[in-house]
Amino acid sequence: MIAEADARTPGTRFEVHDIDTSHFPNAAGMAQFVEVLDKVGQSLS
């Protein structure tokens, strides 16, 4: 789906982040999630 969306909007490509956790993350998974959110936030400013 991401490749299809990228093809339709070439000027605004998606960036995919993988987090090694289940749908109900433990503390380590939440830490990874926060790191991804921090990275995304920094890229916007």
PDB file of N, CA and C in Angstrom:
ATOM      1  N   MET A   1       0.814  -1.187   0.000  1.00  0.00           N
ATOM      2  CA  MET A   1       0.000   0.000   0.000  1.00  0.00           C
ATOM      3  C   MET A   1       0.864   1.260   0.000  1.00  0.00           C
ATOM      4  N   ILE A   2       1.979   1.206   0.702  1.00  0.00           N
ATOM      5  CA  ILE A   2       2.845   2.383   0.765  1.00  0.00           C
ATOM      6  C   ILE A   2       3.452   2.675  -0.594  1.00  0.00           C
ATOM      7  N   ALA A   3       3.884   1.645  -1.301  1.00  0.00           N
ATOM      8  CA  ALA A   3       4.449   1.853  -2.635  1.00  0.00           C
ATOM      9  C   ALA A   3       3.418   2.472  -3.574  1.00  0.00           C
ATOM     10  N   GLU A   4       2.180   2.029  -3.467  1.00  0.00           N
ATOM     11  CA  GLU A   4       1.119   2.585  -4.296  1.00  0.00           C
ATOM     12  C   GLU A   4       0.855   4.053  -3.933  1.00  0.00           C
ATOM     13  N   ALA A   5       0.832   4.351  -2.652  1.00  0.00           N
ATOM     14  CA  ALA A   5       0.622   5.739  -2.221  1.00  0.00           C
ATOM     15  C   ALA A   5       1.786   6.625  -2.664  1.00  0.00           C
ATOM     16  N   ASP A   6       3.009   6.123  -2.553  1.00  0.00           N
ATOM     17  CA  ASP A   6       4.178   6.884  -3.010  1.00  0.00           C
ATOM     18  C   ASP A   6       4.096   7.162  -4.506  1.00  0.00           C
ATOM     19  N   ALA A   7       3.632   6.194  -5.277  1.00  0.00           N
ATOM     20  CA  ALA A   7       3.513   6.375  -6.730  1.00  0.00           C
ATOM     21  C   ALA A   7       2.485   7.454  -7.061  1.00  0.00           C
ATOM     22  N   ARG A   8       1.443   7.540  -6.261  1.00  0.00           N
ATOM     23  CA  ARG A   8       0.395   8.537  -6.521  1.00  0.00           C
ATOM     24  C   ARG A   8       0.754   9.926  -6.018  1.00  0.00           C
ATOM     25  N   THR A   9       1.653  10.006  -5.044  1.00  0.00           N
ATOM     26  CA  THR A   9       2.062  11.304  -4.480  1.00  0.00           C
ATOM     27  C   THR A   9       3.581  11.376  -4.415  1.00  0.00           C
ATOM     28  N   PRO A  10       4.257  11.479  -5.567  1.00  0.00           N
ATOM     29  CA  PRO A  10       5.722  11.407  -5.585  1.00  0.00           C
ATOM     30  C   PRO A  10       6.403  12.519  -4.792  1.00  0.00           C
ATOM     31  N   GLY A  11       5.744  13.632  -4.575  1.00  0.00           N
ATOM     32  CA  GLY A  11       6.356  14.728  -3.824  1.00  0.00           C
ATOM     33  C   GLY A  11       6.274  14.566  -2.318  1.00  0.00           C
ATOM     34  N   THR A  12       5.475  13.610  -1.858  1.00  0.00           N
ATOM     35  CA  THR A  12       5.308  13.392  -0.422  1.00  0.00           C
ATOM     36  C   THR A  12       5.374  11.908  -0.116  1.00  0.00           C
ATOM     37  N   ARG A  13       6.572  11.367  -0.182  1.00  0.00           N
ATOM     38  CA  ARG A  13       6.765   9.939   0.040  1.00  0.00           C
ATOM     39  C   ARG A  13       6.629   9.592   1.518  1.00  0.00           C
ATOM     40  N   PHE A  14       6.160   8.390   1.788  1.00  0.00           N
ATOM     41  CA  PHE A  14       6.028   7.899   3.150  1.00  0.00           C
ATOM     42  C   PHE A  14       7.367   7.391   3.655  1.00  0.00           C
ATOM     43  N   GLU A  15       7.585   7.513   4.945  1.00  0.00           N
ATOM     44  CA  GLU A  15       8.760   6.940   5.599  1.00  0.00           C
ATOM     45  C   GLU A  15       8.252   5.871   6.563  1.00  0.00           C
ATOM     46  N   VAL A  16       8.738   4.657   6.428  1.00  0.00           N
ATOM     47  CA  VAL A  16       8.265   3.536   7.233  1.00  0.00           C
ATOM     48  C   VAL A  16       9.227   3.280   8.380  1.00  0.00           C
ATOM     49  N   HIS A  17       8.660   3.091   9.563  1.00  0.00           N
ATOM     50  CA  HIS A  17       9.440   2.780  10.760  1.00  0.00           C
ATOM     51  C   HIS A  17       8.934   1.458  11.322  1.00  0.00           C
ATOM     52  N   ASP A  18       9.833   0.537  11.584  1.00  0.00           N
ATOM     53  CA  ASP A  18       9.463  -0.748  12.169  1.00  0.00           C
ATOM     54  C   ASP A  18       9.812  -0.748  13.652  1.00  0.00           C
ATOM     55  N   ILE A  19       8.893  -1.258  14.449  1.00  0.00           N
ATOM     56  CA  ILE A  19       9.108  -1.385  15.883  1.00  0.00           C
ATOM     57  C   ILE A  19       8.924  -2.858  16.221  1.00  0.00           C
ATOM     58  N   ASP A  20       9.912  -3.434  16.900  1.00  0.00           N
ATOM     59  CA  ASP A  20       9.898  -4.850  17.235  1.00  0.00           C
ATOM     60  C   ASP A  20       9.039  -5.071  18.484  1.00  0.00           C
ATOM     61  N   THR A  21       7.714  -5.152  18.284  1.00  0.00           N
ATOM     62  CA  THR A  21       6.796  -5.355  19.402  1.00  0.00           C
ATOM     63  C   THR A  21       5.479  -5.920  18.884  1.00  0.00           C
ATOM     64  N   SER A  22       4.631  -6.322  19.793  1.00  0.00           N
ATOM     65  CA  SER A  22       3.300  -6.800  19.417  1.00  0.00           C
ATOM     66  C   SER A  22       2.337  -5.614  19.379  1.00  0.00           C
ATOM     67  N   HIS A  23       1.049  -5.897  19.233  1.00  0.00           N
ATOM     68  CA  HIS A  23       0.048  -4.829  19.238  1.00  0.00           C
ATOM     69  C   HIS A  23      -0.075  -4.196  20.619  1.00  0.00           C
ATOM     70  N   PHE A  24       0.364  -4.907  21.636  1.00  0.00           N
ATOM     71  CA  PHE A  24       0.335  -4.392  23.009  1.00  0.00           C
ATOM     72  C   PHE A  24       1.783  -4.328  23.498  1.00  0.00           C
ATOM     73  N   PRO A  25       2.488  -3.220  23.205  1.00  0.00           N
ATOM     74  CA  PRO A  25       3.928  -3.161  23.487  1.00  0.00           C
ATOM     75  C   PRO A  25       4.249  -3.109  24.975  1.00  0.00           C
ATOM     76  N   ASN A  26       5.395  -3.693  25.299  1.00  0.00           N
ATOM     77  CA  ASN A  26       5.907  -3.598  26.656  1.00  0.00           C
ATOM     78  C   ASN A  26       6.707  -2.298  26.782  1.00  0.00           C
ATOM     79  N   ALA A  27       7.413  -2.110  27.879  1.00  0.00           N
ATOM     80  CA  ALA A  27       8.160  -0.864  28.099  1.00  0.00           C
ATOM     81  C   ALA A  27       9.207  -0.638  27.016  1.00  0.00           C
ATOM     82  N   ALA A  28       9.890  -1.693  26.597  1.00  0.00           N
ATOM     83  CA  ALA A  28      10.915  -1.544  25.557  1.00  0.00           C
ATOM     84  C   ALA A  28      10.276  -1.127  24.233  1.00  0.00           C
ATOM     85  N   GLY A  29       9.130  -1.690  23.917  1.00  0.00           N
ATOM     86  CA  GLY A  29       8.428  -1.318  22.697  1.00  0.00           C
ATOM     87  C   GLY A  29       7.957   0.123  22.742  1.00  0.00           C
ATOM     88  N   MET A  30       7.496   0.557  23.899  1.00  0.00           N
ATOM     89  CA  MET A  30       7.057   1.948  24.030  1.00  0.00           C
ATOM     90  C   MET A  30       8.245   2.896  23.873  1.00  0.00           C
ATOM     91  N   ALA A  31       9.403   2.503  24.381  1.00  0.00           N
ATOM     92  CA  ALA A  31      10.602   3.334  24.228  1.00  0.00           C
ATOM     93  C   ALA A  31      10.958   3.481  22.751  1.00  0.00           C
ATOM     94  N   GLN A  32      10.858   2.397  21.988  1.00  0.00           N
ATOM     95  CA  GLN A  32      11.123   2.462  20.552  1.00  0.00           C
ATOM     96  C   GLN A  32      10.108   3.363  19.863  1.00  0.00           C
ATOM     97  N   PHE A  33       8.841   3.278  20.273  1.00  0.00           N
ATOM     98  CA  PHE A  33       7.790   4.100  19.700  1.00  0.00           C
ATOM     99  C   PHE A  33       8.057   5.580  19.962  1.00  0.00           C
ATOM    100  N   VAL A  34       8.470   5.899  21.166  1.00  0.00           N
ATOM    101  CA  VAL A  34       8.786   7.287  21.516  1.00  0.00           C
ATOM    102  C   VAL A  34       9.974   7.786  20.695  1.00  0.00           C
ATOM    103  N   GLU A  35      10.968   6.934  20.470  1.00  0.00           N
ATOM    104  CA  GLU A  35      12.118   7.316  19.643  1.00  0.00           C
ATOM    105  C   GLU A  35      11.677   7.663  18.224  1.00  0.00           C
ATOM    106  N   VAL A  36      10.775   6.862  17.663  1.00  0.00           N
ATOM    107  CA  VAL A  36      10.275   7.126  16.311  1.00  0.00           C
ATOM    108  C   VAL A  36       9.507   8.447  16.284  1.00  0.00           C
ATOM    109  N   LEU A  37       8.636   8.656  17.264  1.00  0.00           N
ATOM    110  CA  LEU A  37       7.883   9.906  17.319  1.00  0.00           C
ATOM    111  C   LEU A  37       8.811  11.109  17.464  1.00  0.00           C
ATOM    112  N   ASP A  38       9.851  10.969  18.273  1.00  0.00           N
ATOM    113  CA  ASP A  38      10.813  12.056  18.448  1.00  0.00           C
ATOM    114  C   ASP A  38      11.529  12.361  17.134  1.00  0.00           C
ATOM    115  N   LYS A  39      11.929  11.314  16.414  1.00  0.00           N
ATOM    116  CA  LYS A  39      12.598  11.497  15.117  1.00  0.00           C
ATOM    117  C   LYS A  39      11.685  12.200  14.120  1.00  0.00           C
ATOM    118  N   VAL A  40      10.426  11.778  14.076  1.00  0.00           N
ATOM    119  CA  VAL A  40       9.471  12.403  13.162  1.00  0.00           C
ATOM    120  C   VAL A  40       9.261  13.860  13.547  1.00  0.00           C
ATOM    121  N   GLY A  41       9.102  14.119  14.832  1.00  0.00           N
ATOM    122  CA  GLY A  41       8.915  15.494  15.284  1.00  0.00           C
ATOM    123  C   GLY A  41      10.091  16.394  14.950  1.00  0.00           C
ATOM    124  N   GLN A  42      11.303  15.877  15.110  1.00  0.00           N
ATOM    125  CA  GLN A  42      12.492  16.658  14.803  1.00  0.00           C
ATOM    126  C   GLN A  42      12.591  16.940  13.298  1.00  0.00           C
ATOM    127  N   SER A  43      12.121  16.026  12.479  1.00  0.00           N
ATOM    128  CA  SER A  43      12.202  16.231  11.036  1.00  0.00           C
ATOM    129  C   SER A  43      11.209  17.292  10.561  1.00  0.00           C
ATOM    130  N   LEU A  44      10.179  17.560  11.346  1.00  0.00           N
ATOM    131  CA  LEU A  44       9.181  18.544  10.973  1.00  0.00           C
ATOM    132  C   LEU A  44       9.561  19.957  11.371  1.00  0.00           C
ATOM    133  N   SER A  45      10.496  20.078  12.300  1.00  0.00           N
ATOM    134  CA  SER A  45      10.848  21.424  12.775  1.00  0.00           C
ATOM    135  C   SER A  45      12.071  21.987  12.079  1.00  0.00           C
TER     136      SER A  45
END
